[in-house]
C-alpha atoms as a PDB file:
ATOM      1  CA  MET A   1     145.714 162.577 105.537  1.00  0.00           C
ATOM      2  CA  THR A   2     148.520 160.357 105.724  1.00  0.00           C
ATOM      3  CA  LEU A   3     149.329 158.351 107.662  1.00  0.00           C
ATOM      4  CA  TYR A   4     152.342 160.663 108.909  1.00  0.00           C
ATOM      5  CA  ASP A   5     150.229 163.443 109.456  1.00  0.00           C
ATOM      6  CA  VAL A   6     147.631 160.897 112.063  1.00  0.00           C
ATOM      7  CA  PHE A   7     151.277 160.343 114.198  1.00  0.00           C
ATOM      8  CA  ASP A   8     151.961 163.979 113.551  1.00  0.00           C
ATOM      9  CA  ARG A   9     148.584 164.980 115.794  1.00  0.00           C
ATOM     10  CA  LEU A  10     148.685 162.145 118.304  1.00  0.00           C
ATOM     11  CA  GLU A  11     152.156 163.814 119.189  1.00  0.00           C
ATOM     12  CA  LEU A  12     150.486 167.561 119.127  1.00  0.00           C
ATOM     13  CA  THR A  13     147.845 165.875 121.664  1.00  0.00           C
ATOM     14  CA  PHE A  14     147.231 167.539 125.667  1.00  0.00           C
ATOM     15  CA  VAL A  15     149.132 163.586 126.543  1.00  0.00           C
ATOM     16  CA  GLY A  16     151.809 163.593 123.971  1.00  0.00           C
ATOM     17  CA  GLN A  17     153.259 167.086 124.694  1.00  0.00           C
ATOM     18  CA  THR A  18     153.312 166.949 128.759  1.00  0.00           C
ATOM     19  CA  MET A  19     154.973 164.086 128.210  1.00  0.00           C
ATOM     20  CA  ALA A  20     157.508 165.712 126.075  1.00  0.00           C
ATOM     21  CA  ASP A  21     157.804 168.913 127.819  1.00  0.00           C
ATOM     22  CA  SER A  22     158.205 167.419 131.245  1.00  0.00           C
ATOM     23  CA  ILE A  23     161.768 166.107 132.153  1.00  0.00           C
ATOM     24  CA  TRP A  24     160.431 163.879 134.341  1.00  0.00           C
ATOM     25  CA  LEU A  25     157.589 162.206 133.561  1.00  0.00           C
ATOM     26  CA  PHE A  26     159.032 160.460 130.683  1.00  0.00           C
ATOM     27  CA  PRO A  27     161.283 158.663 132.755  1.00  0.00           C
ATOM     28  CA  VAL A  28     158.800 157.300 135.643  1.00  0.00           C
ATOM     29  CA  VAL A  29     156.741 156.334 133.504  1.00  0.00           C
ATOM     30  CA  GLU A  30     159.380 154.529 131.466  1.00  0.00           C
ATOM     31  CA  ALA A  31     160.004 152.883 134.010  1.00  0.00           C
ATOM     32  CA  VAL A  32     156.522 151.799 135.271  1.00  0.00           C
ATOM     33  CA  HIS A  33     156.405 150.217 131.963  1.00  0.00           C
ATOM     34  CA  LEU A  34     159.766 148.534 132.079  1.00  0.00           C
ATOM     35  CA  LEU A  35     158.091 146.817 135.765  1.00  0.00           C
ATOM     36  CA  GLY A  36     155.101 146.105 133.370  1.00  0.00           C
ATOM     37  CA  LEU A  37     157.812 144.304 130.627  1.00  0.00           C
ATOM     38  CA  ALA A  38     158.824 142.203 133.735  1.00  0.00           C
ATOM     39  CA  GLY A  39     155.978 141.038 134.962  1.00  0.00           C
ATOM     40  CA  LEU A  40     154.578 140.428 131.564  1.00  0.00           C
ATOM     41  CA  GLY A  41     158.063 138.307 131.245  1.00  0.00           C
ATOM     42  CA  GLY A  42     157.702 136.277 134.238  1.00  0.00           C
ATOM     43  CA  ALA A  43     153.642 135.430 133.912  1.00  0.00           C
ATOM     44  CA  VAL A  44     155.146 134.050 130.116  1.00  0.00           C
ATOM     45  CA  LEU A  45     158.362 132.386 131.431  1.00  0.00           C
ATOM     46  CA  VAL A  46     156.134 130.307 134.383  1.00  0.00           C
ATOM     47  CA  VAL A  47     154.682 128.819 131.618  1.00  0.00           C
ATOM     48  CA  ASP A  48     156.468 128.295 128.832  1.00  0.00           C
ATOM     49  CA  LEU A  49     159.517 126.941 131.281  1.00  0.00           C
ATOM     50  CA  ARG A  50     156.706 124.011 132.120  1.00  0.00           C
ATOM     51  CA  LEU A  51     156.003 123.607 128.419  1.00  0.00           C
ATOM     52  CA  LEU A  52     159.953 123.582 127.849  1.00  0.00           C
ATOM     53  CA  GLY A  53     159.659 120.767 130.816  1.00  0.00           C
ATOM     54  CA  LEU A  54     162.989 123.369 131.590  1.00  0.00           C
ATOM     55  CA  ALA A  55     161.447 124.173 135.185  1.00  0.00           C
ATOM     56  CA  PHE A  56     157.660 122.912 137.122  1.00  0.00           C
ATOM     57  CA  PRO A  57     157.912 119.678 136.248  1.00  0.00           C
ATOM     58  CA  ASP A  58     155.613 118.763 139.202  1.00  0.00           C
ATOM     59  CA  ARG A  59     153.115 121.224 138.185  1.00  0.00           C
ATOM     60  CA  GLU A  60     150.704 120.735 135.014  1.00  0.00           C
ATOM     61  CA  ALA A  61     151.326 123.845 132.316  1.00  0.00           C
ATOM     62  CA  ARG A  62     147.113 124.141 132.584  1.00  0.00           C
ATOM     63  CA  TYR A  63     147.563 125.244 136.443  1.00  0.00           C
ATOM     64  CA  LEU A  64     150.726 127.284 135.752  1.00  0.00           C
ATOM     65  CA  LEU A  65     148.664 129.252 133.412  1.00  0.00           C
ATOM     66  CA  ALA A  66     145.692 129.577 135.600  1.00  0.00           C
ATOM     67  CA  GLU A  67     147.956 130.871 137.650  1.00  0.00           C
ATOM     68  CA  SER A  68     149.777 133.699 136.071  1.00  0.00           C
ATOM     69  CA  ARG A  69     146.454 134.806 134.374  1.00  0.00           C
ATOM     70  CA  PRO A  70     145.891 137.377 136.489  1.00  0.00           C
ATOM     71  CA  TRP A  71     149.719 138.433 136.634  1.00  0.00           C
ATOM     72  CA  PHE A  72     149.328 138.166 132.876  1.00  0.00           C
ATOM     73  CA  LEU A  73     146.365 140.727 132.408  1.00  0.00           C
ATOM     74  CA  GLY A  74     147.950 143.153 134.837  1.00  0.00           C
ATOM     75  CA  ALA A  75     151.066 143.914 132.975  1.00  0.00           C
ATOM     76  CA  ILE A  76     149.555 143.598 129.877  1.00  0.00           C
ATOM     77  CA  ALA A  77     147.134 146.266 130.976  1.00  0.00           C
ATOM     78  CA  THR A  78     149.644 148.312 132.522  1.00  0.00           C
ATOM     79  CA  LEU A  79     151.605 148.213 129.286  1.00  0.00           C
ATOM     80  CA  PHE A  80     149.300 149.387 127.111  1.00  0.00           C
ATOM     81  CA  ALA A  81     148.721 152.183 129.726  1.00  0.00           C
ATOM     82  CA  THR A  82     152.129 153.480 129.780  1.00  0.00           C
ATOM     83  CA  GLY A  83     153.427 152.087 126.082  1.00  0.00           C
ATOM     84  CA  ILE A  84     150.390 154.774 124.963  1.00  0.00           C
ATOM     85  CA  PRO A  85     151.913 157.860 126.160  1.00  0.00           C
ATOM     86  CA  LEU A  86     155.687 156.605 125.669  1.00  0.00           C
ATOM     87  CA  PHE A  87     154.299 156.935 121.577  1.00  0.00           C
ATOM     88  CA  LEU A  88     152.144 159.680 121.823  1.00  0.00           C
ATOM     89  CA  SER A  89     155.096 161.454 123.441  1.00  0.00           C
ATOM     90  CA  GLU A  90     157.163 160.975 120.151  1.00  0.00           C
ATOM     91  CA  ALA A  91     154.696 159.327 117.670  1.00  0.00           C
ATOM     92  CA  VAL A  92     156.370 160.998 114.919  1.00  0.00           C
ATOM     93  CA  LYS A  93     160.212 159.368 115.826  1.00  0.00           C
ATOM     94  CA  CYS A  94     158.047 155.866 116.114  1.00  0.00           C
ATOM     95  CA  TYR A  95     156.913 157.088 112.907  1.00  0.00           C
ATOM     96  CA  TRP A  96     160.361 156.184 110.914  1.00  0.00           C
ATOM     97  CA  SER A  97     161.722 153.928 113.175  1.00  0.00           C
ATOM     98  CA  GLN A  98     161.175 150.188 111.502  1.00  0.00           C
ATOM     99  CA  ALA A  99     162.029 149.089 115.499  1.00  0.00           C
ATOM    100  CA  PHE A 100     158.883 150.615 116.745  1.00  0.00           C
ATOM    101  CA  TRP A 101     155.919 148.850 113.572  1.00  0.00           C
ATOM    102  CA  VAL A 102     158.809 145.851 114.214  1.00  0.00           C
ATOM    103  CA  LYS A 103     157.618 145.732 117.812  1.00  0.00           C
ATOM    104  CA  MET A 104     153.497 146.737 116.668  1.00  0.00           C
ATOM    105  CA  GLY A 105     153.794 143.776 114.751  1.00  0.00           C
ATOM    106  CA  ALA A 106     154.877 141.574 116.975  1.00  0.00           C
ATOM    107  CA  LEU A 107     153.394 142.559 119.398  1.00  0.00           C
ATOM    108  CA  ALA A 108     149.738 141.709 117.257  1.00  0.00           C
ATOM    109  CA  LEU A 109     150.815 138.389 116.724  1.00  0.00           C
ATOM    110  CA  ALA A 110     152.532 137.683 120.556  1.00  0.00           C
ATOM    111  CA  LEU A 111     148.881 138.545 121.849  1.00  0.00           C
ATOM    112  CA  LEU A 112     146.830 136.899 119.162  1.00  0.00           C
ATOM    113  CA  PHE A 113     149.630 133.553 119.551  1.00  0.00           C
ATOM    114  CA  THR A 114     149.571 133.245 123.314  1.00  0.00           C
ATOM    115  CA  TRP A 115     145.466 133.841 123.619  1.00  0.00           C
ATOM    116  CA  SER A 116     144.417 131.796 120.298  1.00  0.00           C
ATOM    117  CA  VAL A 117     147.217 128.972 120.038  1.00  0.00           C
ATOM    118  CA  ARG A 118     149.143 128.400 123.045  1.00  0.00           C
ATOM    119  CA  ASN A 119     146.395 129.799 125.878  1.00  0.00           C
ATOM    120  CA  ARG A 120     143.790 127.265 124.100  1.00  0.00           C
ATOM    121  CA  ARG A 121     146.146 124.310 123.757  1.00  0.00           C
ATOM    122  CA  ILE A 122     147.051 123.563 127.088  1.00  0.00           C
ATOM    123  CA  ARG A 123     142.772 124.609 128.425  1.00  0.00           C
ATOM    124  CA  ASP A 124     141.288 122.236 125.770  1.00  0.00           C
ATOM    125  CA  SER A 125     144.637 119.592 126.076  1.00  0.00           C
ATOM    126  CA  ARG A 126     145.165 117.160 128.963  1.00  0.00           C
ATOM    127  CA  GLU A 127     148.323 116.076 128.267  1.00  0.00           C
ATOM    128  CA  LEU A 128     150.403 117.985 125.600  1.00  0.00           C
ATOM    129  CA  GLY A 129     153.080 115.729 123.682  1.00  0.00           C
ATOM    130  CA  VAL A 130     156.030 116.611 124.323  1.00  0.00           C
ATOM    131  CA  GLY A 131     157.304 118.299 120.549  1.00  0.00           C
ATOM    132  CA  ARG A 132     153.696 119.899 120.444  1.00  0.00           C
ATOM    133  CA  ALA A 133     154.502 121.442 124.347  1.00  0.00           C
ATOM    134  CA  ARG A 134     158.656 122.903 123.485  1.00  0.00           C
ATOM    135  CA  LEU A 135     156.929 124.394 120.423  1.00  0.00           C
ATOM    136  CA  LEU A 136     153.936 125.837 121.827  1.00  0.00           C
ATOM    137  CA  GLY A 137     157.076 127.424 124.802  1.00  0.00           C
ATOM    138  CA  GLY A 138     159.424 127.821 122.282  1.00  0.00           C
ATOM    139  CA  SER A 139     157.798 129.902 120.021  1.00  0.00           C
ATOM    140  CA  SER A 140     155.877 132.160 122.539  1.00  0.00           C
ATOM    141  CA  ILE A 141     159.348 133.217 123.984  1.00  0.00           C
ATOM    142  CA  ALA A 142     160.981 134.081 120.603  1.00  0.00           C
ATOM    143  CA  LEU A 143     157.696 135.895 119.776  1.00  0.00           C
ATOM    144  CA  TRP A 144     157.835 138.385 123.877  1.00  0.00           C
ATOM    145  CA  THR A 145     161.161 138.252 123.108  1.00  0.00           C
ATOM    146  CA  THR A 146     160.987 140.116 119.772  1.00  0.00           C
ATOM    147  CA  VAL A 147     158.709 142.418 121.088  1.00  0.00           C
ATOM    148  CA  ALA A 148     160.959 143.468 124.251  1.00  0.00           C
ATOM    149  CA  ALA A 149     163.986 143.580 121.897  1.00  0.00           C
ATOM    150  CA  ALA A 150     162.026 145.780 119.670  1.00  0.00           C
ATOM    151  CA  GLY A 151     161.012 148.258 122.047  1.00  0.00           C
ATOM    152  CA  ARG A 152     164.444 148.726 123.688  1.00  0.00           C
ATOM    153  CA  TRP A 153     165.574 148.903 119.870  1.00  0.00           C
ATOM    154  CA  ILE A 154     162.967 152.135 119.855  1.00  0.00           C
ATOM    155  CA  GLY A 155     165.762 153.690 122.039  1.00  0.00           C
ATOM    156  CA  PHE A 156     168.630 153.879 119.607  1.00  0.00           C
ATOM    157  CA  SER A 157     166.580 154.520 116.640  1.00  0.00           C
END
């Protein structure tokens, strides 16, 4: 069985067929997906703009990270809960879409970077150097922007 066969079977699942056959379900789920993306963007930007020195100069990055964590986790849960049915409704299209593969790769990198590098550095360090903080914030914004842009690109491919 090839990867294409797996994607084809996934599209034929109950959820995939229900999403594809409904005139209103896909746009409603997609709207909630976009709300999740907005929540994720807010949770990420609050911390990253602080790291870049562009916002919240009176707040420690560690504090902002702790305060935004529930929003980040809720947004990630929303994105997965809505993204999977969206994917299942057009899995074969996604298989052939370069944008889908870019998004999945960027998503994996962004999550890995966020949990393994950015958050750990912020929590473990009393004072990040300005250069290191800017590198963390800029890298995070670049990765998450790639995820969002590639996701939007899927709709046009």
